[in-house]
Amino acid sequence: MKFGFMEDFRNPVKWRRPFPEFYQAILEQIAHGEDLGYDNVWLTEHHFTEDGYNPSIMPTAAAVAARTSRIRIGSFILLAPPTSDQNCRGYGLRGYFIQRAF
């Protein structure tokens, strides 16, 4: 049996901490979970929320990977990027959406 946990990086207004400090604390918590023997961590994302819900899984997953060595990183929820040309360039998906639009 394998065990894992989920992190959404929510920083509610009521208990708001500075985001750099908050993200560092969550990343340390994930590394500690690995030290405790957890097998995987699941990340989620959501856009346009007041509580700072993780807006982008891939950079977050890269930060987790840089601080861990064994734990598996999963995407519990991965939202499709906006379909405008401007927003898709950062994801390397410009051609994908242009082909699908015509």
N, C-alpha and C. Protein backbone atom coordinates (compact mmCIF):
# COMPACT_ATOMS: atom_id res chain seq x y z
N MET A 1 0.83 -1.17 0.00
CA MET A 1 0.00 0.00 0.00
C MET A 1 0.89 1.24 0.00
N LYS A 2 0.49 2.22 -0.79
CA LYS A 2 1.23 3.48 -0.87
C LYS A 2 0.39 4.60 -0.26
N PHE A 3 1.08 5.58 0.31
CA PHE A 3 0.39 6.70 0.95
C PHE A 3 0.87 8.01 0.35
N GLY A 4 -0.06 8.93 0.21
CA GLY A 4 0.26 10.24 -0.33
C GLY A 4 -0.59 11.31 0.33
N PHE A 5 -0.38 12.53 -0.08
CA PHE A 5 -1.15 13.66 0.44
C PHE A 5 -1.28 14.72 -0.64
N MET A 6 -2.22 15.63 -0.47
CA MET A 6 -2.49 16.67 -1.44
C MET A 6 -2.12 18.04 -0.89
N GLU A 7 -1.59 18.89 -1.74
CA GLU A 7 -1.29 20.28 -1.38
C GLU A 7 -1.90 21.20 -2.43
N ASP A 8 -2.65 22.20 -1.99
CA ASP A 8 -3.25 23.14 -2.93
C ASP A 8 -2.68 24.55 -2.81
N PHE A 9 -1.80 24.76 -1.85
CA PHE A 9 -1.12 26.05 -1.65
C PHE A 9 -2.11 27.19 -1.42
N ARG A 10 -3.21 26.90 -0.74
CA ARG A 10 -4.17 27.95 -0.43
C ARG A 10 -3.67 28.76 0.76
N ASN A 11 -3.85 30.06 0.67
CA ASN A 11 -3.39 31.00 1.69
C ASN A 11 -4.56 31.92 2.05
N PRO A 12 -5.52 31.43 2.84
CA PRO A 12 -6.75 32.18 3.11
C PRO A 12 -6.49 33.57 3.69
N VAL A 13 -7.33 34.50 3.29
CA VAL A 13 -7.21 35.89 3.72
C VAL A 13 -7.18 35.99 5.25
N LYS A 14 -8.00 35.21 5.91
CA LYS A 14 -8.10 35.28 7.37
C LYS A 14 -6.76 34.99 8.06
N TRP A 15 -5.96 34.10 7.50
CA TRP A 15 -4.66 33.71 8.09
C TRP A 15 -3.50 34.03 7.15
N ARG A 16 -3.67 34.96 6.25
CA ARG A 16 -2.72 35.26 5.18
C ARG A 16 -1.30 35.48 5.71
N ARG A 17 -0.37 34.81 5.05
CA ARG A 17 1.06 35.00 5.29
C ARG A 17 1.67 35.49 3.99
N PRO A 18 2.81 36.16 4.03
CA PRO A 18 3.46 36.58 2.78
C PRO A 18 3.69 35.34 1.89
N PHE A 19 3.37 35.46 0.60
CA PHE A 19 3.43 34.30 -0.27
C PHE A 19 4.80 33.63 -0.35
N PRO A 20 5.91 34.36 -0.42
CA PRO A 20 7.21 33.65 -0.45
C PRO A 20 7.41 32.79 0.81
N GLU A 21 7.05 33.33 1.95
CA GLU A 21 7.17 32.58 3.22
C GLU A 21 6.21 31.38 3.22
N PHE A 22 5.00 31.60 2.73
CA PHE A 22 3.99 30.55 2.71
C PHE A 22 4.41 29.40 1.79
N TYR A 23 4.84 29.72 0.58
CA TYR A 23 5.26 28.68 -0.36
C TYR A 23 6.47 27.92 0.18
N GLN A 24 7.40 28.62 0.79
CA GLN A 24 8.56 27.95 1.38
C GLN A 24 8.13 26.96 2.46
N ALA A 25 7.18 27.35 3.28
CA ALA A 25 6.69 26.46 4.34
C ALA A 25 6.02 25.21 3.76
N ILE A 26 5.23 25.37 2.71
CA ILE A 26 4.57 24.22 2.10
C ILE A 26 5.60 23.30 1.44
N LEU A 27 6.58 23.88 0.77
CA LEU A 27 7.63 23.06 0.15
C LEU A 27 8.42 22.29 1.20
N GLU A 28 8.67 22.91 2.34
CA GLU A 28 9.35 22.22 3.45
C GLU A 28 8.46 21.10 3.99
N GLN A 29 7.17 21.35 4.06
CA GLN A 29 6.23 20.32 4.52
C GLN A 29 6.24 19.12 3.58
N ILE A 30 6.29 19.37 2.28
CA ILE A 30 6.34 18.27 1.32
C ILE A 30 7.63 17.48 1.47
N ALA A 31 8.76 18.18 1.63
CA ALA A 31 10.04 17.49 1.84
C ALA A 31 10.00 16.66 3.12
N HIS A 32 9.37 17.20 4.15
CA HIS A 32 9.24 16.47 5.41
C HIS A 32 8.36 15.22 5.22
N GLY A 33 7.31 15.35 4.41
CA GLY A 33 6.47 14.20 4.10
C GLY A 33 7.27 13.10 3.43
N GLU A 34 8.16 13.48 2.54
CA GLU A 34 9.04 12.49 1.92
C GLU A 34 9.92 11.82 2.97
N ASP A 35 10.48 12.62 3.87
CA ASP A 35 11.32 12.07 4.95
C ASP A 35 10.54 11.11 5.84
N LEU A 36 9.25 11.35 6.00
CA LEU A 36 8.41 10.48 6.82
C LEU A 36 8.00 9.20 6.10
N GLY A 37 8.29 9.13 4.80
CA GLY A 37 7.99 7.91 4.05
C GLY A 37 6.79 7.97 3.13
N TYR A 38 6.18 9.13 2.98
CA TYR A 38 5.06 9.23 2.05
C TYR A 38 5.56 8.92 0.64
N ASP A 39 4.70 8.31 -0.17
CA ASP A 39 5.09 7.88 -1.50
C ASP A 39 4.81 8.92 -2.58
N ASN A 40 3.77 9.73 -2.41
CA ASN A 40 3.45 10.71 -3.43
C ASN A 40 2.79 11.95 -2.85
N VAL A 41 2.89 13.01 -3.60
CA VAL A 41 2.21 14.26 -3.27
C VAL A 41 1.40 14.65 -4.51
N TRP A 42 0.17 15.06 -4.27
CA TRP A 42 -0.72 15.46 -5.35
C TRP A 42 -0.89 16.97 -5.30
N LEU A 43 -0.73 17.63 -6.44
CA LEU A 43 -0.87 19.08 -6.54
C LEU A 43 -2.13 19.41 -7.33
N THR A 44 -2.76 20.50 -6.97
CA THR A 44 -3.94 20.97 -7.69
C THR A 44 -3.72 22.40 -8.12
N GLU A 45 -4.56 22.87 -9.03
CA GLU A 45 -4.48 24.27 -9.43
C GLU A 45 -5.86 24.83 -9.65
N HIS A 46 -5.97 26.13 -9.49
CA HIS A 46 -7.22 26.82 -9.74
C HIS A 46 -6.88 28.27 -10.00
N HIS A 47 -7.65 28.93 -10.83
CA HIS A 47 -7.35 30.31 -11.20
C HIS A 47 -8.37 31.28 -10.60
N PHE A 48 -7.92 32.51 -10.37
CA PHE A 48 -8.77 33.63 -9.99
C PHE A 48 -9.48 33.43 -8.64
N THR A 49 -8.74 33.01 -7.64
CA THR A 49 -9.31 32.88 -6.31
C THR A 49 -8.61 33.85 -5.36
N GLU A 50 -9.31 34.27 -4.33
CA GLU A 50 -8.75 35.22 -3.37
C GLU A 50 -7.75 34.58 -2.43
N ASP A 51 -7.81 33.28 -2.26
CA ASP A 51 -6.93 32.63 -1.29
C ASP A 51 -5.61 32.17 -1.87
N GLY A 52 -5.31 32.56 -3.10
CA GLY A 52 -4.01 32.24 -3.67
C GLY A 52 -3.84 30.79 -4.08
N TYR A 53 -4.93 30.09 -4.27
CA TYR A 53 -4.88 28.69 -4.70
C TYR A 53 -3.83 28.55 -5.81
N ASN A 54 -3.02 27.52 -5.73
CA ASN A 54 -1.93 27.32 -6.69
C ASN A 54 -2.40 27.59 -8.12
N PRO A 55 -1.87 28.63 -8.79
CA PRO A 55 -2.35 28.97 -10.12
C PRO A 55 -1.68 28.19 -11.25
N SER A 56 -0.61 27.45 -10.98
CA SER A 56 0.09 26.74 -12.05
C SER A 56 0.87 25.55 -11.49
N ILE A 57 0.46 24.36 -11.87
CA ILE A 57 1.07 23.15 -11.31
C ILE A 57 2.51 22.94 -11.76
N MET A 58 2.81 23.15 -13.02
CA MET A 58 4.13 22.77 -13.52
C MET A 58 5.30 23.47 -12.80
N PRO A 59 5.26 24.79 -12.61
CA PRO A 59 6.36 25.40 -11.85
C PRO A 59 6.40 24.92 -10.40
N THR A 60 5.22 24.68 -9.83
CA THR A 60 5.16 24.18 -8.46
C THR A 60 5.75 22.78 -8.38
N ALA A 61 5.40 21.93 -9.34
CA ALA A 61 5.95 20.57 -9.39
C ALA A 61 7.47 20.61 -9.55
N ALA A 62 7.97 21.54 -10.34
CA ALA A 62 9.42 21.68 -10.51
C ALA A 62 10.08 22.08 -9.18
N ALA A 63 9.44 22.97 -8.43
CA ALA A 63 9.98 23.37 -7.12
C ALA A 63 9.98 22.19 -6.16
N VAL A 64 8.93 21.38 -6.20
CA VAL A 64 8.88 20.18 -5.35
C VAL A 64 9.99 19.21 -5.76
N ALA A 65 10.14 18.99 -7.05
CA ALA A 65 11.17 18.06 -7.55
C ALA A 65 12.58 18.52 -7.17
N ALA A 66 12.79 19.83 -7.12
CA ALA A 66 14.11 20.35 -6.76
C ALA A 66 14.44 20.11 -5.28
N ARG A 67 13.42 19.92 -4.46
CA ARG A 67 13.62 19.75 -3.01
C ARG A 67 13.45 18.32 -2.53
N THR A 68 13.07 17.41 -3.43
CA THR A 68 12.85 16.02 -3.03
C THR A 68 13.61 15.10 -3.96
N SER A 69 13.70 13.82 -3.58
CA SER A 69 14.44 12.88 -4.44
C SER A 69 13.66 11.61 -4.74
N ARG A 70 12.69 11.27 -3.93
CA ARG A 70 12.01 9.99 -4.09
C ARG A 70 10.50 10.11 -4.29
N ILE A 71 9.90 11.07 -3.66
CA ILE A 71 8.44 11.18 -3.68
C ILE A 71 7.95 11.42 -5.11
N ARG A 72 6.86 10.76 -5.47
CA ARG A 72 6.27 10.95 -6.79
C ARG A 72 5.33 12.15 -6.75
N ILE A 73 5.32 12.92 -7.82
CA ILE A 73 4.54 14.15 -7.89
C ILE A 73 3.41 13.93 -8.89
N GLY A 74 2.17 14.12 -8.42
CA GLY A 74 1.02 13.93 -9.29
C GLY A 74 0.21 15.19 -9.45
N SER A 75 -0.49 15.29 -10.57
CA SER A 75 -1.37 16.43 -10.80
C SER A 75 -2.80 15.98 -10.56
N PHE A 76 -3.31 16.35 -9.41
CA PHE A 76 -4.68 15.99 -9.03
C PHE A 76 -5.67 16.66 -9.96
N ILE A 77 -5.44 17.93 -10.24
CA ILE A 77 -6.23 18.69 -11.20
C ILE A 77 -5.26 19.54 -12.01
N LEU A 78 -5.37 19.48 -13.33
CA LEU A 78 -4.53 20.28 -14.22
C LEU A 78 -5.46 20.97 -15.20
N LEU A 79 -5.57 22.29 -15.10
CA LEU A 79 -6.49 23.05 -15.94
C LEU A 79 -5.84 23.36 -17.28
N ALA A 80 -6.65 23.33 -18.32
CA ALA A 80 -6.16 23.74 -19.64
C ALA A 80 -5.89 25.24 -19.61
N PRO A 81 -4.86 25.67 -20.30
CA PRO A 81 -4.57 27.11 -20.33
C PRO A 81 -5.62 27.85 -21.15
N PRO A 82 -5.73 29.15 -20.93
CA PRO A 82 -6.64 29.94 -21.77
C PRO A 82 -6.26 29.77 -23.24
N THR A 83 -7.23 29.88 -24.12
CA THR A 83 -6.97 29.57 -25.52
C THR A 83 -6.52 30.76 -26.36
N SER A 84 -6.35 31.92 -25.77
CA SER A 84 -5.90 33.05 -26.57
C SER A 84 -4.43 32.87 -26.94
N ASP A 85 -4.05 33.42 -28.08
CA ASP A 85 -2.68 33.31 -28.57
C ASP A 85 -1.68 33.85 -27.55
N GLN A 86 -2.00 34.98 -26.93
CA GLN A 86 -1.11 35.61 -25.97
C GLN A 86 -0.80 34.69 -24.79
N ASN A 87 -1.82 34.05 -24.23
CA ASN A 87 -1.63 33.19 -23.06
C ASN A 87 -1.01 31.85 -23.41
N CYS A 88 -1.23 31.36 -24.61
CA CYS A 88 -0.74 30.03 -24.98
C CYS A 88 0.74 30.02 -25.29
N ARG A 89 1.32 31.15 -25.65
CA ARG A 89 2.75 31.16 -25.99
C ARG A 89 3.61 30.63 -24.86
N GLY A 90 3.26 31.00 -23.63
CA GLY A 90 4.04 30.55 -22.48
C GLY A 90 3.98 29.05 -22.28
N TYR A 91 2.97 28.39 -22.79
CA TYR A 91 2.82 26.95 -22.64
C TYR A 91 3.32 26.20 -23.87
N GLY A 92 3.73 26.91 -24.91
CA GLY A 92 4.17 26.24 -26.14
C GLY A 92 3.01 25.59 -26.88
N LEU A 93 1.81 26.12 -26.72
CA LEU A 93 0.63 25.48 -27.29
C LEU A 93 0.00 26.31 -28.41
N ARG A 94 0.66 27.35 -28.84
CA ARG A 94 0.07 28.24 -29.83
C ARG A 94 -0.40 27.47 -31.06
N GLY A 95 0.46 26.66 -31.63
CA GLY A 95 0.11 25.91 -32.83
C GLY A 95 -1.02 24.94 -32.59
N TYR A 96 -1.05 24.33 -31.42
CA TYR A 96 -2.11 23.37 -31.09
C TYR A 96 -3.48 24.02 -31.17
N PHE A 97 -3.64 25.19 -30.57
CA PHE A 97 -4.94 25.83 -30.55
C PHE A 97 -5.28 26.43 -31.90
N ILE A 98 -4.30 26.91 -32.62
CA ILE A 98 -4.58 27.47 -33.96
C ILE A 98 -5.08 26.35 -34.87
N GLN A 99 -4.47 25.18 -34.82
CA GLN A 99 -4.91 24.06 -35.65
C GLN A 99 -6.32 23.64 -35.30
N ARG A 100 -6.70 23.69 -34.04
CA ARG A 100 -8.01 23.24 -33.60
C ARG A 100 -9.08 24.30 -33.90
N ALA A 101 -8.66 25.56 -34.05
CA ALA A 101 -9.64 26.63 -34.24
C ALA A 101 -10.15 26.71 -35.68
N PHE A 102 -9.41 26.15 -36.63
CA PHE A 102 -9.80 26.28 -38.06
C PHE A 102 -10.01 24.94 -38.71
